[in-house]
Amino acid sequence: MSAHYFKVVGNVQGVMFRQTLIRGAYKRGLKAGATNLVDGSVSFTLIGDIQMIDEIISFFKSRKPINSWKAKVDELFELSEQDGIVFEKHEVTTENVDTFNWSEGVEMYL
């Protein structure tokens, strides 16, 4: 299993994007990590079955909202290993997502 690195631009901060992504990855048996960047984008890493990774990426490319807070991707960039963030360095991961005090009431479509 290799890691795949991405950066997304759009309505991705302050709208539960990271939690939705991480829970969608977990549901598909993937390891995932996500970090808000200072430019308003989000960097994330997905590790696991390539078909499940492609399913998430295809959803993002559809530009449909991924949750009821209208989180959505306008642009997606695949990054090299050198430009990506390794799983363990992300702010939110499939291993620590439940330790955050997330806002309630978000419906997740991913």
N, C-alpha and C. Protein backbone atom coordinates (compact mmCIF):
# COMPACT_ATOMS: atom_id res chain seq x y z
N MET A 1 0.85 -1.19 0.00
CA MET A 1 0.00 0.00 0.00
C MET A 1 0.89 1.24 0.00
N SER A 2 0.65 2.06 -0.96
CA SER A 2 1.43 3.29 -1.02
C SER A 2 0.55 4.48 -0.65
N ALA A 3 1.21 5.52 -0.23
CA ALA A 3 0.50 6.75 0.14
C ALA A 3 0.31 7.61 -1.10
N HIS A 4 -0.84 8.27 -1.15
CA HIS A 4 -1.16 9.21 -2.22
C HIS A 4 -1.44 10.56 -1.57
N TYR A 5 -0.84 11.60 -2.14
CA TYR A 5 -0.87 12.93 -1.53
C TYR A 5 -1.65 13.89 -2.42
N PHE A 6 -2.44 14.74 -1.77
CA PHE A 6 -3.31 15.66 -2.51
C PHE A 6 -3.39 17.01 -1.80
N LYS A 7 -3.81 18.01 -2.57
CA LYS A 7 -4.15 19.32 -2.04
C LYS A 7 -5.44 19.73 -2.73
N VAL A 8 -6.37 20.29 -1.94
CA VAL A 8 -7.63 20.74 -2.51
C VAL A 8 -7.87 22.21 -2.18
N VAL A 9 -8.53 22.87 -3.12
CA VAL A 9 -8.93 24.26 -2.98
C VAL A 9 -10.44 24.30 -3.18
N GLY A 10 -11.10 25.16 -2.45
CA GLY A 10 -12.55 25.31 -2.57
C GLY A 10 -13.11 25.73 -1.23
N ASN A 11 -14.31 25.29 -0.95
CA ASN A 11 -14.92 25.56 0.35
C ASN A 11 -14.51 24.43 1.28
N VAL A 12 -13.28 24.52 1.79
CA VAL A 12 -12.67 23.39 2.50
C VAL A 12 -12.19 23.70 3.92
N GLN A 13 -12.36 24.93 4.38
CA GLN A 13 -12.00 25.23 5.76
C GLN A 13 -13.20 25.84 6.47
N GLY A 14 -13.39 25.44 7.73
CA GLY A 14 -14.49 25.95 8.53
C GLY A 14 -15.83 25.33 8.19
N VAL A 15 -15.81 24.23 7.43
CA VAL A 15 -17.05 23.58 6.99
C VAL A 15 -17.01 22.06 7.20
N MET A 16 -16.20 21.63 8.15
CA MET A 16 -16.10 20.21 8.51
C MET A 16 -15.55 19.34 7.37
N PHE A 17 -14.75 19.93 6.49
CA PHE A 17 -14.18 19.17 5.38
C PHE A 17 -13.28 18.04 5.89
N ARG A 18 -12.37 18.36 6.80
CA ARG A 18 -11.42 17.34 7.27
C ARG A 18 -12.13 16.17 7.94
N GLN A 19 -13.09 16.48 8.82
CA GLN A 19 -13.79 15.39 9.49
C GLN A 19 -14.55 14.53 8.46
N THR A 20 -15.21 15.16 7.50
CA THR A 20 -15.95 14.43 6.48
C THR A 20 -15.01 13.54 5.66
N LEU A 21 -13.88 14.09 5.23
CA LEU A 21 -12.90 13.32 4.48
C LEU A 21 -12.40 12.13 5.29
N ILE A 22 -12.01 12.36 6.52
CA ILE A 22 -11.44 11.29 7.35
C ILE A 22 -12.46 10.19 7.59
N ARG A 23 -13.69 10.56 7.88
CA ARG A 23 -14.73 9.54 8.12
C ARG A 23 -15.09 8.79 6.83
N GLY A 24 -15.07 9.49 5.70
CA GLY A 24 -15.30 8.82 4.42
C GLY A 24 -14.19 7.84 4.09
N ALA A 25 -12.96 8.21 4.40
CA ALA A 25 -11.82 7.31 4.18
C ALA A 25 -11.91 6.10 5.11
N TYR A 26 -12.21 6.35 6.36
CA TYR A 26 -12.33 5.26 7.35
C TYR A 26 -13.40 4.26 6.91
N LYS A 27 -14.51 4.77 6.44
CA LYS A 27 -15.62 3.93 5.98
C LYS A 27 -15.17 3.01 4.84
N ARG A 28 -14.18 3.43 4.07
CA ARG A 28 -13.67 2.66 2.94
C ARG A 28 -12.43 1.85 3.28
N GLY A 29 -12.07 1.80 4.55
CA GLY A 29 -10.92 1.01 4.97
C GLY A 29 -9.57 1.66 4.69
N LEU A 30 -9.57 2.97 4.50
CA LEU A 30 -8.33 3.70 4.20
C LEU A 30 -7.79 4.36 5.46
N LYS A 31 -6.48 4.55 5.48
CA LYS A 31 -5.86 5.45 6.45
C LYS A 31 -5.83 6.82 5.79
N ALA A 32 -6.11 7.85 6.56
CA ALA A 32 -6.12 9.20 5.98
C ALA A 32 -5.68 10.22 7.00
N GLY A 33 -5.11 11.30 6.50
CA GLY A 33 -4.75 12.44 7.31
C GLY A 33 -5.02 13.71 6.53
N ALA A 34 -5.38 14.78 7.25
CA ALA A 34 -5.70 16.05 6.59
C ALA A 34 -5.23 17.22 7.45
N THR A 35 -4.78 18.28 6.78
CA THR A 35 -4.26 19.45 7.47
C THR A 35 -4.71 20.71 6.75
N ASN A 36 -5.23 21.69 7.50
CA ASN A 36 -5.54 23.00 6.94
C ASN A 36 -4.23 23.73 6.66
N LEU A 37 -4.14 24.36 5.50
CA LEU A 37 -2.97 25.15 5.15
C LEU A 37 -3.30 26.63 5.26
N VAL A 38 -2.27 27.45 5.44
CA VAL A 38 -2.48 28.88 5.67
C VAL A 38 -3.11 29.59 4.47
N ASP A 39 -2.99 29.03 3.29
CA ASP A 39 -3.56 29.67 2.10
C ASP A 39 -5.05 29.35 1.92
N GLY A 40 -5.66 28.64 2.87
CA GLY A 40 -7.08 28.32 2.80
C GLY A 40 -7.37 26.98 2.16
N SER A 41 -6.35 26.28 1.70
CA SER A 41 -6.53 24.96 1.11
C SER A 41 -6.34 23.88 2.18
N VAL A 42 -6.50 22.62 1.77
CA VAL A 42 -6.29 21.49 2.67
C VAL A 42 -5.39 20.49 1.96
N SER A 43 -4.38 20.02 2.68
CA SER A 43 -3.52 18.96 2.20
C SER A 43 -3.98 17.66 2.85
N PHE A 44 -4.03 16.57 2.08
CA PHE A 44 -4.41 15.30 2.69
C PHE A 44 -3.67 14.14 2.06
N THR A 45 -3.60 13.07 2.81
CA THR A 45 -2.93 11.84 2.41
C THR A 45 -3.90 10.69 2.55
N LEU A 46 -3.94 9.82 1.55
CA LEU A 46 -4.76 8.61 1.60
C LEU A 46 -3.86 7.40 1.40
N ILE A 47 -4.08 6.37 2.22
CA ILE A 47 -3.28 5.14 2.14
C ILE A 47 -4.24 3.96 2.13
N GLY A 48 -4.08 3.09 1.12
CA GLY A 48 -4.91 1.90 1.06
C GLY A 48 -5.25 1.51 -0.35
N ASP A 49 -6.36 0.81 -0.50
CA ASP A 49 -6.81 0.28 -1.78
C ASP A 49 -7.04 1.41 -2.78
N ILE A 50 -6.39 1.29 -3.94
CA ILE A 50 -6.46 2.37 -4.94
C ILE A 50 -7.87 2.58 -5.45
N GLN A 51 -8.69 1.55 -5.52
CA GLN A 51 -10.07 1.72 -5.98
C GLN A 51 -10.86 2.59 -4.99
N MET A 52 -10.61 2.41 -3.70
CA MET A 52 -11.30 3.22 -2.69
C MET A 52 -10.79 4.66 -2.73
N ILE A 53 -9.49 4.84 -2.95
CA ILE A 53 -8.93 6.18 -3.09
C ILE A 53 -9.56 6.86 -4.30
N ASP A 54 -9.62 6.14 -5.42
CA ASP A 54 -10.22 6.70 -6.64
C ASP A 54 -11.68 7.08 -6.43
N GLU A 55 -12.39 6.31 -5.61
CA GLU A 55 -13.80 6.63 -5.32
C GLU A 55 -13.93 7.98 -4.64
N ILE A 56 -13.07 8.24 -3.67
CA ILE A 56 -13.08 9.54 -2.98
C ILE A 56 -12.69 10.66 -3.93
N ILE A 57 -11.63 10.44 -4.69
CA ILE A 57 -11.15 11.47 -5.62
C ILE A 57 -12.22 11.78 -6.68
N SER A 58 -12.90 10.75 -7.16
CA SER A 58 -13.97 10.96 -8.15
C SER A 58 -15.09 11.80 -7.55
N PHE A 59 -15.43 11.55 -6.30
CA PHE A 59 -16.47 12.34 -5.64
C PHE A 59 -16.03 13.80 -5.58
N PHE A 60 -14.78 14.04 -5.19
CA PHE A 60 -14.28 15.42 -5.15
C PHE A 60 -14.34 16.08 -6.52
N LYS A 61 -13.96 15.35 -7.56
CA LYS A 61 -13.94 15.90 -8.91
C LYS A 61 -15.34 16.21 -9.43
N SER A 62 -16.36 15.60 -8.84
CA SER A 62 -17.74 15.90 -9.24
C SER A 62 -18.16 17.30 -8.82
N ARG A 63 -17.42 17.88 -7.89
CA ARG A 63 -17.69 19.21 -7.34
C ARG A 63 -19.00 19.30 -6.57
N LYS A 64 -19.53 18.16 -6.19
CA LYS A 64 -20.73 18.14 -5.35
C LYS A 64 -20.32 18.39 -3.91
N PRO A 65 -21.18 19.00 -3.10
CA PRO A 65 -20.88 19.15 -1.67
C PRO A 65 -20.67 17.78 -1.03
N ILE A 66 -19.70 17.69 -0.12
CA ILE A 66 -19.44 16.42 0.56
C ILE A 66 -20.15 16.33 1.91
N ASN A 67 -20.76 17.44 2.32
CA ASN A 67 -21.54 17.42 3.55
C ASN A 67 -22.60 18.53 3.53
N SER A 68 -23.43 18.53 4.56
CA SER A 68 -24.53 19.50 4.61
C SER A 68 -24.06 20.92 4.94
N TRP A 69 -22.80 21.10 5.27
CA TRP A 69 -22.25 22.43 5.50
C TRP A 69 -21.67 23.01 4.22
N LYS A 70 -21.91 22.36 3.10
CA LYS A 70 -21.51 22.82 1.76
C LYS A 70 -20.00 22.76 1.51
N ALA A 71 -19.29 21.89 2.24
CA ALA A 71 -17.88 21.67 1.93
C ALA A 71 -17.78 21.04 0.55
N LYS A 72 -16.91 21.61 -0.29
CA LYS A 72 -16.73 21.03 -1.63
C LYS A 72 -15.38 21.45 -2.20
N VAL A 73 -14.94 20.65 -3.14
CA VAL A 73 -13.65 20.87 -3.79
C VAL A 73 -13.88 21.55 -5.14
N ASP A 74 -13.16 22.64 -5.37
CA ASP A 74 -13.17 23.29 -6.69
C ASP A 74 -11.98 22.84 -7.53
N GLU A 75 -10.84 22.63 -6.89
CA GLU A 75 -9.64 22.18 -7.59
C GLU A 75 -8.94 21.13 -6.75
N LEU A 76 -8.43 20.10 -7.41
CA LEU A 76 -7.72 19.02 -6.74
C LEU A 76 -6.37 18.84 -7.42
N PHE A 77 -5.32 18.75 -6.64
CA PHE A 77 -3.97 18.57 -7.15
C PHE A 77 -3.37 17.33 -6.51
N GLU A 78 -2.84 16.42 -7.33
CA GLU A 78 -2.09 15.29 -6.77
C GLU A 78 -0.66 15.77 -6.57
N LEU A 79 -0.13 15.48 -5.40
CA LEU A 79 1.21 15.95 -5.03
C LEU A 79 2.20 14.80 -5.06
N SER A 80 3.45 15.14 -5.23
CA SER A 80 4.52 14.14 -5.13
C SER A 80 4.74 13.82 -3.65
N GLU A 81 5.45 12.75 -3.41
CA GLU A 81 5.78 12.37 -2.03
C GLU A 81 6.55 13.50 -1.33
N GLN A 82 7.42 14.18 -2.08
CA GLN A 82 8.21 15.27 -1.51
C GLN A 82 7.36 16.47 -1.13
N ASP A 83 6.27 16.69 -1.86
CA ASP A 83 5.42 17.85 -1.60
C ASP A 83 4.25 17.54 -0.66
N GLY A 84 3.98 16.26 -0.45
CA GLY A 84 2.87 15.87 0.43
C GLY A 84 3.29 15.87 1.89
N ILE A 85 2.32 15.66 2.74
CA ILE A 85 2.56 15.57 4.18
C ILE A 85 2.40 14.10 4.58
N VAL A 86 3.41 13.56 5.26
CA VAL A 86 3.31 12.16 5.68
C VAL A 86 2.18 12.01 6.68
N PHE A 87 1.56 10.85 6.65
CA PHE A 87 0.37 10.56 7.45
C PHE A 87 0.50 11.03 8.90
N GLU A 88 1.59 10.66 9.54
CA GLU A 88 1.77 10.94 10.98
C GLU A 88 1.86 12.42 11.30
N LYS A 89 2.13 13.26 10.33
CA LYS A 89 2.31 14.71 10.57
C LYS A 89 1.03 15.51 10.37
N HIS A 90 -0.05 14.87 9.94
CA HIS A 90 -1.30 15.59 9.72
C HIS A 90 -1.99 15.96 11.03
N GLU A 91 -2.74 17.06 10.98
CA GLU A 91 -3.50 17.52 12.15
C GLU A 91 -4.59 16.52 12.54
N VAL A 92 -5.35 16.05 11.55
CA VAL A 92 -6.45 15.13 11.79
C VAL A 92 -6.19 13.86 11.00
N THR A 93 -6.32 12.71 11.65
CA THR A 93 -6.10 11.43 10.98
C THR A 93 -7.21 10.45 11.36
N THR A 94 -7.21 9.32 10.67
CA THR A 94 -8.17 8.27 11.02
C THR A 94 -7.88 7.72 12.41
N GLU A 95 -6.71 7.98 12.95
CA GLU A 95 -6.36 7.50 14.29
C GLU A 95 -6.76 8.48 15.40
N ASN A 96 -6.89 9.77 15.08
CA ASN A 96 -7.18 10.73 16.15
C ASN A 96 -8.47 11.53 15.93
N VAL A 97 -9.24 11.24 14.88
CA VAL A 97 -10.42 12.03 14.54
C VAL A 97 -11.41 12.12 15.69
N ASP A 98 -11.52 11.08 16.50
CA ASP A 98 -12.50 11.09 17.59
C ASP A 98 -12.04 11.87 18.81
N THR A 99 -10.81 12.37 18.81
CA THR A 99 -10.32 13.15 19.95
C THR A 99 -10.64 14.64 19.81
N PHE A 100 -11.17 15.05 18.65
CA PHE A 100 -11.51 16.45 18.42
C PHE A 100 -12.95 16.72 18.84
N ASN A 101 -13.21 17.93 19.26
CA ASN A 101 -14.55 18.36 19.65
C ASN A 101 -15.21 19.00 18.43
N TRP A 102 -15.75 18.16 17.54
CA TRP A 102 -16.35 18.62 16.30
C TRP A 102 -17.73 19.22 16.56
N SER A 103 -18.13 20.14 15.73
CA SER A 103 -19.49 20.66 15.77
C SER A 103 -20.46 19.54 15.42
N GLU A 104 -21.61 19.58 16.03
CA GLU A 104 -22.62 18.56 15.74
C GLU A 104 -23.54 19.03 14.63
N GLY A 105 -24.28 18.09 14.08
CA GLY A 105 -25.31 18.45 13.12
C GLY A 105 -24.88 18.48 11.68
N VAL A 106 -23.72 17.94 11.35
CA VAL A 106 -23.30 17.90 9.96
C VAL A 106 -23.66 16.53 9.37
N GLU A 107 -24.32 16.57 8.22
CA GLU A 107 -24.63 15.33 7.51
C GLU A 107 -23.54 15.11 6.48
N MET A 108 -22.94 13.93 6.48
CA MET A 108 -21.81 13.63 5.60
C MET A 108 -22.26 12.78 4.42
N TYR A 109 -21.90 13.23 3.22
CA TYR A 109 -22.30 12.53 2.00
C TYR A 109 -21.20 11.67 1.43
N LEU A 110 -19.96 11.88 1.87
CA LEU A 110 -18.82 11.15 1.36
C LEU A 110 -18.82 9.79 2.01
